[in-house]
Amino acid sequence: MLEKNIKLKILLLEDDPLICDILSEFLEENGYEVVSVYDGNEAIDKAYEQHFDAFIFDVKVPSKNGFDVLKTLRESKQEVPAIFITSLASIDDLSKGYDAGCDDYIKKPFELKELQLRLQKLIRKSFSLNSNDKITLNKLWSFEPKSGKLYGENGEKFLTKKETKIVNILISNKNHMVSNEQIINDAWEFNEEATEENLRTHIKKLRKILGKDTIQNIRKQGYLIAIS
């Protein structure tokens, strides 16, 4: 998660009252603020009226289905992460979901923990990709999350794509340990070779640049970035 004092806001579109209550309660227990709606037009209205950090949409809902809701919001330049939760599971349905602009697609029934993990991953990714602000890492370096550029007294330096992903993951959990498994899961694509040895190699390069006090090794568990 991001900093604990920041409550991320979720727009939940689910027309089944029981499922809606279960999801809302679970997300709120995990630190999110949830706005629940029961039909597509209401979801669009809420998305225009308020700022949200993520959308969780069922597809088969009254007035306007979830696919059309998200397509409408994407056309109005609302680019926050979106997850479809639905019993529709054919390849055609999956294609419609991604064509509408979703970032993930979960078939019902699903474990609540799975939704939480996927949501966290998408929000971390969104935070990293959309931030143009420089972040001070230590006395020597500042970092631009979107470009992967480091700024220092002696010049500028670009991190590799993988190094940029790793630093962004650590920053979005700053001063808290991120497990090896979580970093690998978030920074590596499905078709890439992902091992703890590969991760250690990238971390070693980053620590050489930024310093061991900034990127700290929690032995056999993970890493944290120490920034104020």
C-alpha atoms as a PDB file:
ATOM      1  CA  MET A   1       0.000   0.000   0.000  1.00  0.00           C
ATOM      2  CA  LEU A   2       0.933   3.653  -0.237  1.00  0.00           C
ATOM      3  CA  GLU A   3       1.562   5.695   2.902  1.00  0.00           C
ATOM      4  CA  LYS A   4      -0.758   4.645   5.703  1.00  0.00           C
ATOM      5  CA  ASN A   5      -2.131   8.154   6.261  1.00  0.00           C
ATOM      6  CA  ILE A   6      -3.388   8.314   2.667  1.00  0.00           C
ATOM      7  CA  LYS A   7      -6.806   6.729   2.167  1.00  0.00           C
ATOM      8  CA  LEU A   8      -7.246   5.645  -1.422  1.00  0.00           C
ATOM      9  CA  LYS A   9     -10.736   6.034  -2.837  1.00  0.00           C
ATOM     10  CA  ILE A  10     -12.460   3.247  -4.777  1.00  0.00           C
ATOM     11  CA  LEU A  11     -15.593   3.455  -6.939  1.00  0.00           C
ATOM     12  CA  LEU A  12     -17.379   0.104  -6.663  1.00  0.00           C
ATOM     13  CA  LEU A  13     -20.098  -0.766  -9.189  1.00  0.00           C
ATOM     14  CA  GLU A  14     -21.972  -3.895  -8.063  1.00  0.00           C
ATOM     15  CA  ASP A  15     -25.740  -4.406  -8.237  1.00  0.00           C
ATOM     16  CA  ASP A  16     -25.926  -7.411  -5.897  1.00  0.00           C
ATOM     17  CA  PRO A  17     -26.444  -5.865  -2.421  1.00  0.00           C
ATOM     18  CA  LEU A  18     -24.857  -8.777  -0.559  1.00  0.00           C
ATOM     19  CA  ILE A  19     -21.736  -8.897  -2.728  1.00  0.00           C
ATOM     20  CA  CYS A  20     -21.504  -5.115  -2.639  1.00  0.00           C
ATOM     21  CA  ASP A  21     -21.610  -5.092   1.170  1.00  0.00           C
ATOM     22  CA  ILE A  22     -19.000  -7.849   1.427  1.00  0.00           C
ATOM     23  CA  LEU A  23     -16.608  -6.099  -0.959  1.00  0.00           C
ATOM     24  CA  SER A  24     -17.131  -2.679   0.616  1.00  0.00           C
ATOM     25  CA  GLU A  25     -16.543  -3.978   4.130  1.00  0.00           C
ATOM     26  CA  PHE A  26     -13.419  -5.891   3.082  1.00  0.00           C
ATOM     27  CA  LEU A  27     -11.900  -2.933   1.221  1.00  0.00           C
ATOM     28  CA  GLU A  28     -12.660  -0.527   4.065  1.00  0.00           C
ATOM     29  CA  GLU A  29     -11.072  -2.918   6.574  1.00  0.00           C
ATOM     30  CA  ASN A  30      -7.956  -2.779   4.388  1.00  0.00           C
ATOM     31  CA  GLY A  31      -7.745   0.989   4.492  1.00  0.00           C
ATOM     32  CA  TYR A  32      -9.696   2.112   1.413  1.00  0.00           C
ATOM     33  CA  GLU A  33     -12.538   4.582   1.188  1.00  0.00           C
ATOM     34  CA  VAL A  34     -15.328   3.009  -0.880  1.00  0.00           C
ATOM     35  CA  VAL A  35     -18.164   4.658  -2.778  1.00  0.00           C
ATOM     36  CA  SER A  36     -20.704   2.011  -3.836  1.00  0.00           C
ATOM     37  CA  VAL A  37     -23.153   2.362  -6.729  1.00  0.00           C
ATOM     38  CA  TYR A  38     -25.648  -0.099  -8.172  1.00  0.00           C
ATOM     39  CA  ASP A  39     -26.188   0.923 -11.800  1.00  0.00           C
ATOM     40  CA  GLY A  40     -24.052   2.112 -14.688  1.00  0.00           C
ATOM     41  CA  ASN A  41     -25.391   5.642 -15.032  1.00  0.00           C
ATOM     42  CA  GLU A  42     -24.874   6.291 -11.322  1.00  0.00           C
ATOM     43  CA  ALA A  43     -21.277   5.073 -11.668  1.00  0.00           C
ATOM     44  CA  ILE A  44     -20.641   7.576 -14.466  1.00  0.00           C
ATOM     45  CA  ASP A  45     -22.188  10.398 -12.447  1.00  0.00           C
ATOM     46  CA  LYS A  46     -20.062   9.609  -9.385  1.00  0.00           C
ATOM     47  CA  ALA A  47     -16.885   9.340 -11.476  1.00  0.00           C
ATOM     48  CA  TYR A  48     -17.535  12.808 -12.900  1.00  0.00           C
ATOM     49  CA  GLU A  49     -18.370  14.299  -9.503  1.00  0.00           C
ATOM     50  CA  GLN A  50     -15.493  12.871  -7.436  1.00  0.00           C
ATOM     51  CA  HIS A  51     -11.869  11.820  -7.793  1.00  0.00           C
ATOM     52  CA  PHE A  52     -11.154   8.089  -7.474  1.00  0.00           C
ATOM     53  CA  ASP A  53      -7.898   6.143  -7.317  1.00  0.00           C
ATOM     54  CA  ALA A  54      -9.392   2.969  -8.831  1.00  0.00           C
ATOM     55  CA  PHE A  55     -12.573   1.533 -10.309  1.00  0.00           C
ATOM     56  CA  ILE A  56     -13.968  -1.935  -9.513  1.00  0.00           C
ATOM     57  CA  PHE A  57     -16.869  -2.674 -11.864  1.00  0.00           C
ATOM     58  CA  ASP A  58     -19.235  -5.590 -12.271  1.00  0.00           C
ATOM     59  CA  VAL A  59     -20.339  -5.956 -15.902  1.00  0.00           C
ATOM     60  CA  LYS A  60     -23.967  -7.129 -15.763  1.00  0.00           C
ATOM     61  CA  VAL A  61     -25.553  -4.139 -14.008  1.00  0.00           C
ATOM     62  CA  PRO A  62     -28.705  -2.068 -14.692  1.00  0.00           C
ATOM     63  CA  SER A  63     -29.016   0.927 -17.064  1.00  0.00           C
ATOM     64  CA  LYS A  64     -25.555   0.661 -18.656  1.00  0.00           C
ATOM     65  CA  ASN A  65     -23.262  -2.375 -18.461  1.00  0.00           C
ATOM     66  CA  GLY A  66     -19.803  -2.149 -16.942  1.00  0.00           C
ATOM     67  CA  PHE A  67     -18.041  -2.361 -20.311  1.00  0.00           C
ATOM     68  CA  ASP A  68     -19.919   0.687 -21.588  1.00  0.00           C
ATOM     69  CA  VAL A  69     -19.442   2.568 -18.330  1.00  0.00           C
ATOM     70  CA  LEU A  70     -15.665   2.203 -18.456  1.00  0.00           C
ATOM     71  CA  LYS A  71     -15.534   2.964 -22.179  1.00  0.00           C
ATOM     72  CA  THR A  72     -17.433   6.207 -21.515  1.00  0.00           C
ATOM     73  CA  LEU A  73     -15.072   7.164 -18.688  1.00  0.00           C
ATOM     74  CA  ARG A  74     -11.983   6.359 -20.737  1.00  0.00           C
ATOM     75  CA  GLU A  75     -13.290   8.553 -23.558  1.00  0.00           C
ATOM     76  CA  SER A  76     -13.555  11.395 -21.037  1.00  0.00           C
ATOM     77  CA  LYS A  77      -9.853  10.868 -20.146  1.00  0.00           C
ATOM     78  CA  GLN A  78     -10.378   9.133 -16.808  1.00  0.00           C
ATOM     79  CA  GLU A  79      -7.302   6.911 -16.677  1.00  0.00           C
ATOM     80  CA  VAL A  80      -7.342   5.509 -13.133  1.00  0.00           C
ATOM     81  CA  PRO A  81      -6.819   1.728 -12.790  1.00  0.00           C
ATOM     82  CA  ALA A  82      -9.940  -0.355 -13.458  1.00  0.00           C
ATOM     83  CA  ILE A  83     -10.785  -3.962 -12.596  1.00  0.00           C
ATOM     84  CA  PHE A  84     -13.781  -5.874 -13.923  1.00  0.00           C
ATOM     85  CA  ILE A  85     -15.308  -8.474 -11.578  1.00  0.00           C
ATOM     86  CA  THR A  86     -17.747 -10.659 -13.483  1.00  0.00           C
ATOM     87  CA  SER A  87     -19.140 -14.119 -14.088  1.00  0.00           C
ATOM     88  CA  LEU A  88     -18.557 -13.584 -17.827  1.00  0.00           C
ATOM     89  CA  ALA A  89     -15.480 -15.564 -18.722  1.00  0.00           C
ATOM     90  CA  SER A  90     -15.375 -16.240 -22.461  1.00  0.00           C
ATOM     91  CA  ILE A  91     -12.528 -14.987 -24.649  1.00  0.00           C
ATOM     92  CA  ASP A  92     -14.964 -12.581 -26.314  1.00  0.00           C
ATOM     93  CA  ASP A  93     -15.960 -11.150 -22.929  1.00  0.00           C
ATOM     94  CA  LEU A  94     -12.322 -10.828 -21.919  1.00  0.00           C
ATOM     95  CA  SER A  95     -11.585  -9.029 -25.179  1.00  0.00           C
ATOM     96  CA  LYS A  96     -14.508  -6.640 -24.634  1.00  0.00           C
ATOM     97  CA  GLY A  97     -13.218  -5.841 -21.168  1.00  0.00           C
ATOM     98  CA  TYR A  98      -9.743  -4.914 -22.316  1.00  0.00           C
ATOM     99  CA  ASP A  99     -11.095  -3.077 -25.359  1.00  0.00           C
ATOM    100  CA  ALA A 100     -13.184  -0.980 -22.957  1.00  0.00           C
ATOM    101  CA  GLY A 101      -9.979  -0.012 -21.153  1.00  0.00           C
ATOM    102  CA  CYS A 102      -9.728  -2.242 -18.103  1.00  0.00           C
ATOM    103  CA  ASP A 103      -6.397  -3.054 -16.479  1.00  0.00           C
ATOM    104  CA  ASP A 104      -7.452  -6.383 -14.978  1.00  0.00           C
ATOM    105  CA  TYR A 105     -10.327  -8.863 -15.171  1.00  0.00           C
ATOM    106  CA  ILE A 106     -11.348 -11.227 -12.359  1.00  0.00           C
ATOM    107  CA  LYS A 107     -13.863 -14.025 -12.849  1.00  0.00           C
ATOM    108  CA  LYS A 108     -16.441 -14.593 -10.119  1.00  0.00           C
ATOM    109  CA  PRO A 109     -16.260 -16.284  -7.696  1.00  0.00           C
ATOM    110  CA  PHE A 110     -12.875 -15.086  -6.435  1.00  0.00           C
ATOM    111  CA  GLU A 111     -10.985 -14.817  -3.161  1.00  0.00           C
ATOM    112  CA  LEU A 112     -11.125 -11.379  -1.543  1.00  0.00           C
ATOM    113  CA  LYS A 113      -7.363 -11.527  -0.994  1.00  0.00           C
ATOM    114  CA  GLU A 114      -6.861 -11.930  -4.742  1.00  0.00           C
ATOM    115  CA  LEU A 115      -8.797  -8.727  -5.391  1.00  0.00           C
ATOM    116  CA  GLN A 116      -6.741  -6.914  -2.763  1.00  0.00           C
ATOM    117  CA  LEU A 117      -3.427  -8.050  -4.272  1.00  0.00           C
ATOM    118  CA  ARG A 118      -4.429  -7.135  -7.804  1.00  0.00           C
ATOM    119  CA  LEU A 119      -5.746  -3.766  -6.698  1.00  0.00           C
ATOM    120  CA  GLN A 120      -2.548  -2.956  -4.813  1.00  0.00           C
ATOM    121  CA  LYS A 121      -0.453  -3.873  -7.837  1.00  0.00           C
ATOM    122  CA  LEU A 122      -2.465  -1.676 -10.203  1.00  0.00           C
ATOM    123  CA  ILE A 123      -2.411   1.318  -7.848  1.00  0.00           C
ATOM    124  CA  ARG A 124       1.360   1.015  -7.368  1.00  0.00           C
ATOM    125  CA  LYS A 125       1.807   0.836 -11.127  1.00  0.00           C
ATOM    126  CA  SER A 126      -0.451   3.831 -11.664  1.00  0.00           C
ATOM    127  CA  PHE A 127       1.413   5.845  -9.028  1.00  0.00           C
ATOM    128  CA  SER A 128       4.743   5.109 -10.679  1.00  0.00           C
ATOM    129  CA  LEU A 129       3.732   5.727 -14.282  1.00  0.00           C
ATOM    130  CA  ASN A 130       1.823   8.947 -13.702  1.00  0.00           C
ATOM    131  CA  SER A 131       4.096  10.852 -11.365  1.00  0.00           C
ATOM    132  CA  ASN A 132       6.219  13.587 -12.952  1.00  0.00           C
ATOM    133  CA  ASP A 133       7.319  15.057  -9.627  1.00  0.00           C
ATOM    134  CA  LYS A 134      10.898  14.646  -8.523  1.00  0.00           C
ATOM    135  CA  ILE A 135      11.313  12.694  -5.301  1.00  0.00           C
ATOM    136  CA  THR A 136      14.287  13.350  -3.048  1.00  0.00           C
ATOM    137  CA  LEU A 137      15.918  10.014  -2.275  1.00  0.00           C
ATOM    138  CA  ASN A 138      18.908  11.280  -0.274  1.00  0.00           C
ATOM    139  CA  LYS A 139      21.378  14.182  -0.141  1.00  0.00           C
ATOM    140  CA  LEU A 140      22.905  13.164  -3.462  1.00  0.00           C
ATOM    141  CA  TRP A 141      19.994  12.096  -5.651  1.00  0.00           C
ATOM    142  CA  SER A 142      16.455  13.017  -6.661  1.00  0.00           C
ATOM    143  CA  PHE A 143      14.345  10.713  -8.819  1.00  0.00           C
ATOM    144  CA  GLU A 144      11.678  11.223 -11.480  1.00  0.00           C
ATOM    145  CA  PRO A 145       9.377   8.163 -11.340  1.00  0.00           C
ATOM    146  CA  LYS A 146       7.932   8.415 -14.840  1.00  0.00           C
ATOM    147  CA  SER A 147      11.191   8.813 -16.764  1.00  0.00           C
ATOM    148  CA  GLY A 148      13.486   6.837 -14.456  1.00  0.00           C
ATOM    149  CA  LYS A 149      15.923   9.753 -14.360  1.00  0.00           C
ATOM    150  CA  LEU A 150      18.161  10.504 -11.391  1.00  0.00           C
ATOM    151  CA  TYR A 151      19.231  14.079 -10.717  1.00  0.00           C
ATOM    152  CA  GLY A 152      22.390  14.772  -8.720  1.00  0.00           C
ATOM    153  CA  GLU A 153      24.943  17.495  -8.077  1.00  0.00           C
ATOM    154  CA  ASN A 154      27.287  15.910 -10.614  1.00  0.00           C
ATOM    155  CA  GLY A 155      24.729  15.451 -13.379  1.00  0.00           C
ATOM    156  CA  GLU A 156      21.874  13.235 -14.468  1.00  0.00           C
ATOM    157  CA  LYS A 157      21.600   9.480 -14.890  1.00  0.00           C
ATOM    158  CA  PHE A 158      18.924   7.243 -16.388  1.00  0.00           C
ATOM    159  CA  LEU A 159      18.060   3.986 -14.677  1.00  0.00           C
ATOM    160  CA  THR A 160      17.191   0.974 -16.803  1.00  0.00           C
ATOM    161  CA  LYS A 161      13.532   0.083 -17.291  1.00  0.00           C
ATOM    162  CA  LYS A 162      13.769  -2.713 -14.724  1.00  0.00           C
ATOM    163  CA  GLU A 163      15.645  -0.586 -12.203  1.00  0.00           C
ATOM    164  CA  THR A 164      13.016   2.134 -12.610  1.00  0.00           C
ATOM    165  CA  LYS A 165      10.232  -0.352 -11.880  1.00  0.00           C
ATOM    166  CA  ILE A 166      12.001  -1.612  -8.770  1.00  0.00           C
ATOM    167  CA  VAL A 167      12.647   1.880  -7.400  1.00  0.00           C
ATOM    168  CA  ASN A 168       9.026   2.871  -8.064  1.00  0.00           C
ATOM    169  CA  ILE A 169       7.775  -0.191  -6.184  1.00  0.00           C
ATOM    170  CA  LEU A 170      10.006   0.626  -3.218  1.00  0.00           C
ATOM    171  CA  ILE A 171       9.011   4.312  -3.240  1.00  0.00           C
ATOM    172  CA  SER A 172       5.306   3.490  -3.231  1.00  0.00           C
ATOM    173  CA  ASN A 173       5.993   1.503  -0.047  1.00  0.00           C
ATOM    174  CA  LYS A 174       8.633   3.870   1.312  1.00  0.00           C
ATOM    175  CA  ASN A 175      10.099   3.054   4.721  1.00  0.00           C
ATOM    176  CA  HIS A 176       8.287  -0.290   4.679  1.00  0.00           C
ATOM    177  CA  MET A 177       9.791  -3.594   3.599  1.00  0.00           C
ATOM    178  CA  VAL A 178       8.668  -5.021   0.269  1.00  0.00           C
ATOM    179  CA  SER A 179       9.144  -8.781  -0.005  1.00  0.00           C
ATOM    180  CA  ASN A 180      11.300 -10.326  -2.715  1.00  0.00           C
ATOM    181  CA  GLU A 181       8.219 -12.114  -4.028  1.00  0.00           C
ATOM    182  CA  GLN A 182       6.192  -8.914  -4.296  1.00  0.00           C
ATOM    183  CA  ILE A 183       8.960  -7.021  -6.116  1.00  0.00           C
ATOM    184  CA  ILE A 184       9.421  -9.851  -8.599  1.00  0.00           C
ATOM    185  CA  ASN A 185       5.672 -10.166  -9.121  1.00  0.00           C
ATOM    186  CA  ASP A 186       5.293  -6.434  -9.826  1.00  0.00           C
ATOM    187  CA  ALA A 187       8.493  -5.691 -11.746  1.00  0.00           C
ATOM    188  CA  TRP A 188       8.743  -8.703 -14.046  1.00  0.00           C
ATOM    189  CA  GLU A 189       6.384  -9.590 -16.880  1.00  0.00           C
ATOM    190  CA  PHE A 190       4.990 -13.103 -17.265  1.00  0.00           C
ATOM    191  CA  ASN A 191       7.318 -13.951 -20.165  1.00  0.00           C
ATOM    192  CA  GLU A 192      10.489 -12.804 -18.381  1.00  0.00           C
ATOM    193  CA  GLU A 193      12.811 -14.941 -16.296  1.00  0.00           C
ATOM    194  CA  ALA A 194      12.173 -13.860 -12.727  1.00  0.00           C
ATOM    195  CA  THR A 195      14.397 -15.178  -9.950  1.00  0.00           C
ATOM    196  CA  GLU A 196      15.656 -13.815  -6.654  1.00  0.00           C
ATOM    197  CA  GLU A 197      19.168 -13.930  -8.112  1.00  0.00           C
ATOM    198  CA  ASN A 198      18.070 -11.579 -10.903  1.00  0.00           C
ATOM    199  CA  LEU A 199      16.486  -9.287  -8.342  1.00  0.00           C
ATOM    200  CA  ARG A 200      19.665  -9.244  -6.231  1.00  0.00           C
ATOM    201  CA  THR A 201      21.690  -8.265  -9.303  1.00  0.00           C
ATOM    202  CA  HIS A 202      19.482  -5.243  -9.970  1.00  0.00           C
ATOM    203  CA  ILE A 203      19.385  -4.248  -6.296  1.00  0.00           C
ATOM    204  CA  LYS A 204      23.182  -4.460  -6.101  1.00  0.00           C
ATOM    205  CA  LYS A 205      23.494  -1.984  -8.993  1.00  0.00           C
ATOM    206  CA  LEU A 206      20.948   0.353  -7.413  1.00  0.00           C
ATOM    207  CA  ARG A 207      22.654   0.280  -4.026  1.00  0.00           C
ATOM    208  CA  LYS A 208      25.971   1.060  -5.702  1.00  0.00           C
ATOM    209  CA  ILE A 209      24.426   4.220  -7.174  1.00  0.00           C
ATOM    210  CA  LEU A 210      22.109   5.323  -4.364  1.00  0.00           C
ATOM    211  CA  GLY A 211      23.923   3.921  -1.350  1.00  0.00           C
ATOM    212  CA  LYS A 212      23.220   1.072   1.048  1.00  0.00           C
ATOM    213  CA  ASP A 213      21.570   3.373   3.566  1.00  0.00           C
ATOM    214  CA  THR A 214      18.906   4.365   1.024  1.00  0.00           C
ATOM    215  CA  ILE A 215      18.044   0.886  -0.264  1.00  0.00           C
ATOM    216  CA  GLN A 216      18.254  -1.438   2.709  1.00  0.00           C
ATOM    217  CA  ASN A 217      18.423  -5.221   2.578  1.00  0.00           C
ATOM    218  CA  ILE A 218      16.155  -7.040   5.025  1.00  0.00           C
ATOM    219  CA  ARG A 219      18.018 -10.316   5.036  1.00  0.00           C
ATOM    220  CA  LYS A 220      16.232 -13.175   3.220  1.00  0.00           C
ATOM    221  CA  GLN A 221      12.955 -11.214   3.270  1.00  0.00           C
ATOM    222  CA  GLY A 222      13.048  -8.170   1.014  1.00  0.00           C
ATOM    223  CA  TYR A 223      14.102  -4.537   0.677  1.00  0.00           C
ATOM    224  CA  LEU A 224      13.013  -1.080   1.738  1.00  0.00           C
ATOM    225  CA  ILE A 225      13.834   2.402   0.576  1.00  0.00           C
ATOM    226  CA  ALA A 226      14.544   4.762   3.463  1.00  0.00           C
ATOM    227  CA  ILE A 227      13.462   8.279   2.578  1.00  0.00           C
ATOM    228  CA  SER A 228      11.881  11.039   4.651  1.00  0.00           C
END
